[in-house]
Protein backbone atom coordinates (compact mmCIF):
# COMPACT_ATOMS: atom_id res chain seq x y z
CA MET A 1 0.07 0.20 0.15
CA THR A 2 1.51 3.65 -0.86
CA LYS A 3 1.99 5.79 1.64
CA SER A 4 0.12 8.79 2.28
CA TYR A 5 0.83 12.33 3.27
CA THR A 6 -1.29 15.16 4.80
CA LEU A 7 -2.31 18.74 3.61
CA LYS A 8 -3.75 21.33 4.79
CA ALA A 9 -5.91 23.79 2.42
CA GLU A 10 -7.90 26.84 2.98
CA PRO A 11 -11.29 27.79 0.90
CA ARG A 12 -9.97 30.14 -1.76
CA THR A 13 -12.34 33.17 -2.61
CA LEU A 14 -9.88 35.19 -5.23
CA LEU A 15 -10.77 33.63 -8.87
CA GLY A 16 -9.30 33.93 -12.49
CA LYS A 17 -6.56 36.38 -12.70
CA LYS A 18 -6.74 37.69 -9.18
CA ALA A 19 -5.42 34.27 -7.81
CA ARG A 20 -2.46 35.52 -9.15
CA ARG A 21 -2.25 37.78 -5.75
CA LEU A 22 -2.37 34.92 -3.07
CA LEU A 23 1.35 33.81 -4.50
CA ARG A 24 2.70 37.26 -3.24
CA GLN A 25 1.28 36.62 0.25
CA GLY A 26 2.82 33.17 0.14
CA TRP A 27 -0.01 31.02 -1.24
CA VAL A 28 -0.91 29.02 -3.76
CA PRO A 29 -4.01 28.90 -5.70
CA GLY A 30 -5.62 25.37 -6.70
CA VAL A 31 -8.54 23.26 -6.93
CA VAL A 32 -9.76 20.22 -5.40
CA PHE A 33 -12.06 18.16 -8.32
CA THR A 34 -14.22 15.49 -6.81
CA SER A 35 -15.49 12.20 -8.95
CA ASN A 36 -18.60 13.33 -9.42
CA GLY A 37 -17.55 16.51 -11.37
CA GLU A 38 -17.80 18.96 -8.26
CA SER A 39 -14.50 21.45 -7.87
CA HIS A 40 -13.33 23.29 -4.75
CA PRO A 41 -11.50 26.45 -5.44
CA ALA A 42 -8.21 25.95 -2.40
CA GLN A 43 -5.01 28.02 -1.43
CA PHE A 44 -2.00 25.86 0.23
CA ARG A 45 0.92 27.48 1.88
CA GLU A 46 3.34 27.34 -0.81
CA ARG A 47 6.24 26.24 1.62
CA GLU A 48 4.52 23.33 3.08
CA LEU A 49 2.82 22.38 -0.35
CA THR A 50 6.10 22.46 -2.38
CA HIS A 51 7.59 19.93 0.48
CA VAL A 52 4.81 17.41 0.17
CA LEU A 53 4.65 17.39 -3.60
CA HIS A 54 8.27 16.91 -3.61
CA LEU A 55 7.78 13.57 -1.92
CA ALA A 56 4.46 12.54 -2.63
CA GLY A 57 4.84 13.15 -6.63
CA THR A 58 2.26 11.05 -8.29
CA SER A 59 2.20 7.81 -6.66
CA HIS A 60 1.34 9.09 -3.53
CA LEU A 61 -2.11 10.04 -1.68
CA ILE A 62 -2.51 13.22 -0.71
CA GLU A 63 -5.26 13.85 2.18
CA VAL A 64 -6.29 17.33 1.69
CA GLU A 65 -8.23 19.02 4.63
CA LEU A 66 -10.14 21.23 3.25
CA ASN A 67 -13.25 23.09 5.36
CA GLY A 68 -13.28 20.14 7.82
CA THR A 69 -13.46 17.88 4.98
CA LYS A 70 -11.11 15.27 4.00
CA PHE A 71 -10.05 14.39 0.78
CA THR A 72 -8.38 11.42 -0.45
CA THR A 73 -6.33 12.97 -3.76
CA LEU A 74 -3.51 12.33 -6.33
CA LEU A 75 -1.83 14.82 -7.74
CA ARG A 76 -3.59 15.63 -11.18
CA GLU A 77 -1.43 18.81 -12.30
CA VAL A 78 1.06 21.47 -10.98
CA ASP A 79 1.96 24.59 -12.97
CA ARG A 80 5.48 26.12 -12.59
CA GLU A 81 7.10 29.18 -13.16
CA PRO A 82 9.54 27.88 -16.56
CA ILE A 83 12.91 29.23 -15.01
CA THR A 84 12.31 29.18 -11.29
CA THR A 85 10.01 25.69 -11.30
CA ARG A 86 8.29 27.77 -8.09
CA ILE A 87 4.35 26.41 -8.10
CA ARG A 88 1.82 28.91 -9.34
CA HIS A 89 -1.57 26.76 -9.26
CA VAL A 90 -2.10 22.80 -8.30
CA SER A 91 -4.76 20.59 -9.04
CA LEU A 92 -5.74 17.46 -7.11
CA TRP A 93 -8.29 14.80 -8.02
CA ALA A 94 -9.92 13.17 -5.00
CA MET A 95 -11.51 9.47 -5.73
CA PRO A 96 -13.52 7.10 -4.49
CA MET A 97 -11.78 4.31 -2.38
CA ASP A 98 -13.91 1.53 -3.56
CA GLU A 99 -13.05 2.38 -7.35
CA PRO A 100 -9.94 1.75 -9.75
CA ILE A 101 -7.97 4.58 -10.80
CA GLU A 102 -4.88 4.73 -13.39
CA ALA A 103 -1.86 6.54 -12.01
CA THR A 104 1.50 6.65 -13.11
CA VAL A 105 4.40 5.19 -10.88
CA PRO A 106 8.04 4.68 -11.27
CA ILE A 107 10.33 1.98 -11.82
CA VAL A 108 12.98 0.96 -9.44
CA PHE A 109 15.67 -1.38 -10.60
CA VAL A 110 17.41 -3.59 -7.95
CA GLY A 111 20.32 -6.49 -8.37
CA GLU A 112 23.56 -6.50 -10.30
CA SER A 113 23.45 -7.50 -14.11
CA ASP A 114 26.71 -9.75 -15.07
CA ALA A 115 26.23 -8.50 -18.82
CA VAL A 116 26.79 -5.11 -17.33
CA LYS A 117 29.59 -5.80 -15.16
CA SER A 118 31.09 -7.11 -18.41
CA GLY A 119 31.07 -3.76 -20.06
CA GLY A 120 27.53 -3.47 -21.05
CA THR A 121 25.54 -0.76 -21.04
CA LEU A 122 21.88 -0.51 -18.74
CA VAL A 123 19.03 0.98 -21.17
CA HIS A 124 15.97 1.63 -19.85
CA PRO A 125 13.43 3.09 -22.56
CA LEU A 126 10.77 3.45 -19.39
CA GLU A 127 11.21 5.55 -16.02
CA SER A 128 7.71 4.82 -15.20
CA LEU A 129 4.28 2.87 -15.74
CA THR A 130 1.06 3.64 -15.92
CA VAL A 131 -1.01 1.19 -13.62
CA ARG A 132 -4.53 0.64 -12.45
CA CYS A 133 -6.15 -0.58 -9.08
CA LEU A 134 -8.24 0.40 -5.76
CA PRO A 135 -6.16 3.47 -4.17
CA LYS A 136 -5.19 1.24 -1.08
CA ASP A 137 -3.61 -0.77 -3.50
CA LEU A 138 -1.16 2.06 -5.19
CA PRO A 139 2.48 0.93 -5.11
CA GLU A 140 4.70 3.78 -4.64
CA ALA A 141 7.35 1.91 -7.75
CA ILE A 142 6.93 -1.17 -9.45
CA THR A 143 10.68 -2.98 -8.85
CA VAL A 144 12.43 -4.61 -11.81
CA ASP A 145 15.79 -6.97 -10.72
CA ILE A 146 18.26 -7.03 -13.41
CA SER A 147 20.15 -9.36 -11.91
CA GLY A 148 18.51 -12.16 -14.88
CA LEU A 149 20.54 -9.93 -17.50
CA VAL A 150 23.23 -12.04 -17.79
CA ASN A 151 24.21 -11.91 -21.87
CA PHE A 152 24.31 -8.68 -23.97
CA HIS A 153 21.20 -8.11 -25.52
CA ASP A 154 19.01 -10.33 -22.37
CA SER A 155 15.73 -7.90 -22.05
CA ILE A 156 13.09 -7.57 -19.39
CA HIS A 157 9.64 -6.65 -21.12
CA VAL A 158 6.14 -5.58 -19.22
CA ARG A 159 5.25 -8.87 -19.59
CA ASP A 160 8.24 -10.00 -17.33
CA LEU A 161 7.01 -8.08 -14.31
CA THR A 162 6.48 -9.46 -10.75
CA LEU A 163 3.12 -7.03 -9.72
CA PRO A 164 1.67 -6.73 -6.30
CA PRO A 165 -1.47 -8.14 -5.82
CA GLY A 166 -4.48 -6.05 -7.67
CA VAL A 167 -2.09 -4.29 -9.70
CA GLN A 168 -2.12 -4.31 -13.73
CA VAL A 169 -0.03 -2.19 -15.71
CA MET A 170 -1.54 -0.66 -18.85
CA GLU A 171 1.40 -0.51 -20.90
CA ASP A 172 1.94 -2.80 -24.00
CA PRO A 173 3.17 -6.23 -22.64
CA ASP A 174 5.95 -6.59 -25.37
CA ALA A 175 7.25 -2.81 -24.31
CA THR A 176 10.70 -3.18 -23.54
CA VAL A 177 11.24 -2.08 -19.89
CA VAL A 178 15.37 -2.60 -19.84
CA THR A 179 18.01 -4.08 -21.66
CA VAL A 180 22.01 -4.29 -21.96
CA THR A 181 23.66 -3.35 -24.97
CA PRO A 182 27.42 -4.78 -25.67
CA PRO A 183 30.16 -2.71 -25.92
CA LYS A 184 30.92 -0.51 -28.85
CA GLY A 185 33.92 -3.30 -30.04
CA VAL A 186 31.38 -6.00 -29.69
CA GLU A 187 28.69 -4.12 -30.94
CA GLU A 188 30.82 -3.60 -34.26
CA GLU A 189 32.06 -7.15 -34.22
CA GLU A 190 28.42 -8.86 -34.28
CA ALA A 191 27.35 -6.34 -36.71
CA ALA A 192 30.37 -7.96 -38.86
CA GLU A 193 29.51 -11.38 -38.49
CA GLU A 194 25.99 -10.67 -39.32
CA THR A 195 26.53 -9.00 -42.98
CA THR A 196 29.38 -11.86 -43.31
CA GLU A 197 26.48 -15.00 -42.57
CA SER A 198 23.97 -13.14 -45.11
CA ALA A 199 26.50 -12.30 -47.80
CA PRO A 200 25.40 -15.03 -50.38
CA GLU A 201 28.01 -17.66 -50.76
CA GLY A 202 30.59 -16.24 -53.42
CA ALA A 203 30.30 -12.89 -53.32
């Protein structure tokens, strides 16, 4: 089960462009969306919000307390200043705990690969995965053990992953999660051998 964080909010009365005034006062404008389509304008203390979002990301539940009501939410969208990355606006999505959700969770690699020890390069096209599960089953990350990558070109695909109970990955089962490419010299030798093998006899 994913760890959850707590965040306090206050009702927001400044809407639209007027909400920018809040930033000068140390508040960040935002909104909490519920599954029935309601939206609750809110404002968050910038320091607290920045800290919680840094820890929670998109794969941890955030319990928002607003006007005496507690909403179990996930980060939906965050708008930042292009240069300073200061948060300008945040959207949180409150979901029912008994219905499946889709969320993005990071991939964490563990173990050691003999192919990498032999000079190969670990290549991982996917940094995260979209999963579907109940909010209570949302994993903090998907752990991938690379100790089975013994030879160059060995790969682990989505279909090979061991998932927590109740968790479904939405990516293509044939998508490559991680592979090991050989050192440059070995790769060139392999390419030369393939060219030789494919050439017609007598050429």
